PDB file of N, CA and C in Angstrom:
ATOM      1  N   MET A   1       0.824  -1.177   0.000  1.00  0.00           N
ATOM      2  CA  MET A   1       0.000   0.000   0.000  1.00  0.00           C
ATOM      3  C   MET A   1       0.876   1.250   0.000  1.00  0.00           C
ATOM      4  N   SER A   2       1.936   1.221   0.767  1.00  0.00           N
ATOM      5  CA  SER A   2       2.800   2.407   0.800  1.00  0.00           C
ATOM      6  C   SER A   2       3.451   2.649  -0.565  1.00  0.00           C
ATOM      7  N   LYS A   3       3.745   1.589  -1.303  1.00  0.00           N
ATOM      8  CA  LYS A   3       4.306   1.756  -2.654  1.00  0.00           C
ATOM      9  C   LYS A   3       3.303   2.422  -3.580  1.00  0.00           C
ATOM     10  N   MET A   4       2.032   2.078  -3.415  1.00  0.00           N
ATOM     11  CA  MET A   4       0.999   2.701  -4.249  1.00  0.00           C
ATOM     12  C   MET A   4       0.922   4.198  -3.962  1.00  0.00           C
ATOM     13  N   PHE A   5       0.988   4.569  -2.689  1.00  0.00           N
ATOM     14  CA  PHE A   5       0.941   5.990  -2.348  1.00  0.00           C
ATOM     15  C   PHE A   5       2.183   6.719  -2.866  1.00  0.00           C
ATOM     16  N   ARG A   6       3.343   6.072  -2.800  1.00  0.00           N
ATOM     17  CA  ARG A   6       4.563   6.699  -3.327  1.00  0.00           C
ATOM     18  C   ARG A   6       4.467   6.902  -4.837  1.00  0.00           C
ATOM     19  N   LEU A   7       3.931   5.906  -5.550  1.00  0.00           N
ATOM     20  CA  LEU A   7       3.758   6.051  -6.994  1.00  0.00           C
ATOM     21  C   LEU A   7       2.810   7.189  -7.327  1.00  0.00           C
ATOM     22  N   LEU A   8       1.794   7.342  -6.494  1.00  0.00           N
ATOM     23  CA  LEU A   8       0.840   8.421  -6.723  1.00  0.00           C
ATOM     24  C   LEU A   8       1.412   9.791  -6.374  1.00  0.00           C
ATOM     25  N   GLN A   9       2.523   9.834  -5.710  1.00  0.00           N
ATOM     26  CA  GLN A   9       3.201  11.110  -5.453  1.00  0.00           C
ATOM     27  C   GLN A   9       4.031  11.528  -6.662  1.00  0.00           C
ATOM     28  N   LEU A  10       4.507  10.541  -7.410  1.00  0.00           N
ATOM     29  CA  LEU A  10       5.487  10.826  -8.452  1.00  0.00           C
ATOM     30  C   LEU A  10       4.903  11.074  -9.835  1.00  0.00           C
ATOM     31  N   TYR A  11       3.889  10.331 -10.243  1.00  0.00           N
ATOM     32  CA  TYR A  11       3.532  10.297 -11.655  1.00  0.00           C
ATOM     33  C   TYR A  11       2.226  10.971 -12.082  1.00  0.00           C
ATOM     34  N   PRO A  12       1.200  11.036 -11.295  1.00  0.00           N
ATOM     35  CA  PRO A  12      -0.057  11.594 -11.821  1.00  0.00           C
ATOM     36  C   PRO A  12      -0.041  13.117 -11.953  1.00  0.00           C
ATOM     37  N   ALA A  13      -1.006  13.611 -12.714  1.00  0.00           N
ATOM     38  CA  ALA A  13      -1.136  15.058 -12.893  1.00  0.00           C
ATOM     39  C   ALA A  13      -1.629  15.731 -11.611  1.00  0.00           C
ATOM     40  N   SER A  14      -2.444  15.025 -10.837  1.00  0.00           N
ATOM     41  CA  SER A  14      -2.953  15.583  -9.576  1.00  0.00           C
ATOM     42  C   SER A  14      -2.696  14.582  -8.448  1.00  0.00           C
ATOM     43  N   PRO A  15      -1.470  14.540  -7.942  1.00  0.00           N
ATOM     44  CA  PRO A  15      -1.092  13.518  -6.969  1.00  0.00           C
ATOM     45  C   PRO A  15      -1.890  13.554  -5.673  1.00  0.00           C
ATOM     46  N   LEU A  16      -2.176  14.715  -5.157  1.00  0.00           N
ATOM     47  CA  LEU A  16      -2.903  14.800  -3.889  1.00  0.00           C
ATOM     48  C   LEU A  16      -4.326  14.266  -4.041  1.00  0.00           C
ATOM     49  N   GLU A  17      -4.967  14.630  -5.120  1.00  0.00           N
ATOM     50  CA  GLU A  17      -6.326  14.161  -5.378  1.00  0.00           C
ATOM     51  C   GLU A  17      -6.370  12.636  -5.545  1.00  0.00           C
ATOM     52  N   ASP A  18      -5.404  12.083  -6.257  1.00  0.00           N
ATOM     53  CA  ASP A  18      -5.363  10.638  -6.466  1.00  0.00           C
ATOM     54  C   ASP A  18      -5.062   9.882  -5.174  1.00  0.00           C
ATOM     55  N   GLN A  19      -4.167  10.420  -4.361  1.00  0.00           N
ATOM     56  CA  GLN A  19      -3.880   9.793  -3.069  1.00  0.00           C
ATOM     57  C   GLN A  19      -5.097   9.838  -2.164  1.00  0.00           C
ATOM     58  N   LEU A  20      -5.797  10.943  -2.174  1.00  0.00           N
ATOM     59  CA  LEU A  20      -7.004  11.065  -1.368  1.00  0.00           C
ATOM     60  C   LEU A  20      -8.052  10.046  -1.811  1.00  0.00           C
ATOM     61  N   GLN A  21      -8.210   9.859  -3.113  1.00  0.00           N
ATOM     62  CA  GLN A  21      -9.178   8.889  -3.615  1.00  0.00           C
ATOM     63  C   GLN A  21      -8.810   7.468  -3.187  1.00  0.00           C
ATOM     64  N   LEU A  22      -7.537   7.119  -3.241  1.00  0.00           N
ATOM     65  CA  LEU A  22      -7.091   5.803  -2.784  1.00  0.00           C
ATOM     66  C   LEU A  22      -7.378   5.634  -1.295  1.00  0.00           C
ATOM     67  N   TRP A  23      -7.134   6.675  -0.521  1.00  0.00           N
ATOM     68  CA  TRP A  23      -7.401   6.640   0.922  1.00  0.00           C
ATOM     69  C   TRP A  23      -8.890   6.447   1.186  1.00  0.00           C
ATOM     70  N   VAL A  24      -9.737   7.142   0.447  1.00  0.00           N
ATOM     71  CA  VAL A  24     -11.187   7.022   0.606  1.00  0.00           C
ATOM     72  C   VAL A  24     -11.633   5.588   0.315  1.00  0.00           C
ATOM     73  N   ILE A  25     -11.089   4.993  -0.723  1.00  0.00           N
ATOM     74  CA  ILE A  25     -11.423   3.596  -1.059  1.00  0.00           C
ATOM     75  C   ILE A  25     -11.033   2.669   0.080  1.00  0.00           C
ATOM     76  N   CYS A  26      -9.850   2.865   0.624  1.00  0.00           N
ATOM     77  CA  CYS A  26      -9.377   2.015   1.723  1.00  0.00           C
ATOM     78  C   CYS A  26     -10.263   2.157   2.959  1.00  0.00           C
ATOM     79  N   ILE A  27     -10.570   3.382   3.331  1.00  0.00           N
ATOM     80  CA  ILE A  27     -11.406   3.622   4.513  1.00  0.00           C
ATOM     81  C   ILE A  27     -12.817   3.083   4.299  1.00  0.00           C
ATOM     82  N   PHE A  28     -13.375   3.301   3.127  1.00  0.00           N
ATOM     83  CA  PHE A  28     -14.715   2.801   2.833  1.00  0.00           C
ATOM     84  C   PHE A  28     -14.772   1.281   2.979  1.00  0.00           C
ATOM     85  N   ASN A  29     -13.797   0.588   2.407  1.00  0.00           N
ATOM     86  CA  ASN A  29     -13.785  -0.871   2.494  1.00  0.00           C
ATOM     87  C   ASN A  29     -13.621  -1.349   3.933  1.00  0.00           C
ATOM     88  N   TYR A  30     -12.853  -0.632   4.702  1.00  0.00           N
ATOM     89  CA  TYR A  30     -12.700  -0.985   6.114  1.00  0.00           C
ATOM     90  C   TYR A  30     -14.022  -0.814   6.866  1.00  0.00           C
ATOM     91  N   LEU A  31     -14.683   0.301   6.617  1.00  0.00           N
ATOM     92  CA  LEU A  31     -15.915   0.595   7.337  1.00  0.00           C
ATOM     93  C   LEU A  31     -17.057  -0.359   7.002  1.00  0.00           C
ATOM     94  N   ILE A  32     -17.117  -0.822   5.763  1.00  0.00           N
ATOM     95  CA  ILE A  32     -18.192  -1.742   5.398  1.00  0.00           C
ATOM     96  C   ILE A  32     -17.797  -3.196   5.635  1.00  0.00           C
ATOM     97  N   GLY A  33     -16.572  -3.426   6.079  1.00  0.00           N
ATOM     98  CA  GLY A  33     -16.129  -4.781   6.381  1.00  0.00           C
ATOM     99  C   GLY A  33     -15.804  -5.598   5.155  1.00  0.00           C
ATOM    100  N   ASN A  34     -15.403  -4.939   4.081  1.00  0.00           N
ATOM    101  CA  ASN A  34     -15.056  -5.640   2.846  1.00  0.00           C
ATOM    102  C   ASN A  34     -13.658  -6.236   2.999  1.00  0.00           C
ATOM    103  N   THR A  35     -13.585  -7.492   3.372  1.00  0.00           N
ATOM    104  CA  THR A  35     -12.294  -8.151   3.583  1.00  0.00           C
ATOM    105  C   THR A  35     -11.712  -8.710   2.297  1.00  0.00           C
ATOM    106  N   ASN A  36     -12.452  -8.650   1.193  1.00  0.00           N
ATOM    107  CA  ASN A  36     -11.958  -9.189  -0.068  1.00  0.00           C
ATOM    108  C   ASN A  36     -11.189  -8.157  -0.882  1.00  0.00           C
ATOM    109  N   ASN A  37     -11.249  -6.896  -0.529  1.00  0.00           N
ATOM    110  CA  ASN A  37     -10.548  -5.875  -1.302  1.00  0.00           C
ATOM    111  C   ASN A  37      -9.142  -5.680  -0.752  1.00  0.00           C
ATOM    112  N   HIS A  38      -8.278  -6.631  -1.035  1.00  0.00           N
ATOM    113  CA  HIS A  38      -6.892  -6.532  -0.587  1.00  0.00           C
ATOM    114  C   HIS A  38      -6.039  -5.924  -1.687  1.00  0.00           C
ATOM    115  N   ILE A  39      -4.772  -5.776  -1.452  1.00  0.00           N
ATOM    116  CA  ILE A  39      -3.874  -5.069  -2.363  1.00  0.00           C
ATOM    117  C   ILE A  39      -3.911  -5.645  -3.772  1.00  0.00           C
ATOM    118  N   LYS A  40      -4.027  -6.962  -3.898  1.00  0.00           N
ATOM    119  CA  LYS A  40      -4.045  -7.559  -5.235  1.00  0.00           C
ATOM    120  C   LYS A  40      -5.289  -7.160  -6.006  1.00  0.00           C
ATOM    121  N   ASN A  41      -6.336  -6.691  -5.345  1.00  0.00           N
ATOM    122  CA  ASN A  41      -7.542  -6.263  -6.041  1.00  0.00           C
ATOM    123  C   ASN A  41      -7.519  -4.785  -6.426  1.00  0.00           C
ATOM    124  N   LEU A  42      -6.501  -4.058  -6.028  1.00  0.00           N
ATOM    125  CA  LEU A  42      -6.348  -2.660  -6.396  1.00  0.00           C
ATOM    126  C   LEU A  42      -5.303  -2.563  -7.502  1.00  0.00           C
ATOM    127  N   SER A  43      -5.531  -1.676  -8.444  1.00  0.00           N
ATOM    128  CA  SER A  43      -4.531  -1.485  -9.501  1.00  0.00           C
ATOM    129  C   SER A  43      -4.471  -0.019  -9.858  1.00  0.00           C
ATOM    130  N   LEU A  44      -3.369   0.362 -10.419  1.00  0.00           N
ATOM    131  CA  LEU A  44      -3.166   1.723 -10.901  1.00  0.00           C
ATOM    132  C   LEU A  44      -3.004   1.651 -12.409  1.00  0.00           C
ATOM    133  N   LEU A  45      -3.754   2.448 -13.115  1.00  0.00           N
ATOM    134  CA  LEU A  45      -3.636   2.480 -14.585  1.00  0.00           C
ATOM    135  C   LEU A  45      -2.584   3.466 -15.007  1.00  0.00           C
TER     136      LEU A  45
END
């Protein structure tokens, strides 16, 4: 997960916005108890 955040600092046009969106996804999945959304289910295009 930390590698994903580091990549989002370096390459996108809006790094802060993209990092925030990744954080929102992580928190949302935690709050709803989605245990199937692990790192292998996340990807960066």
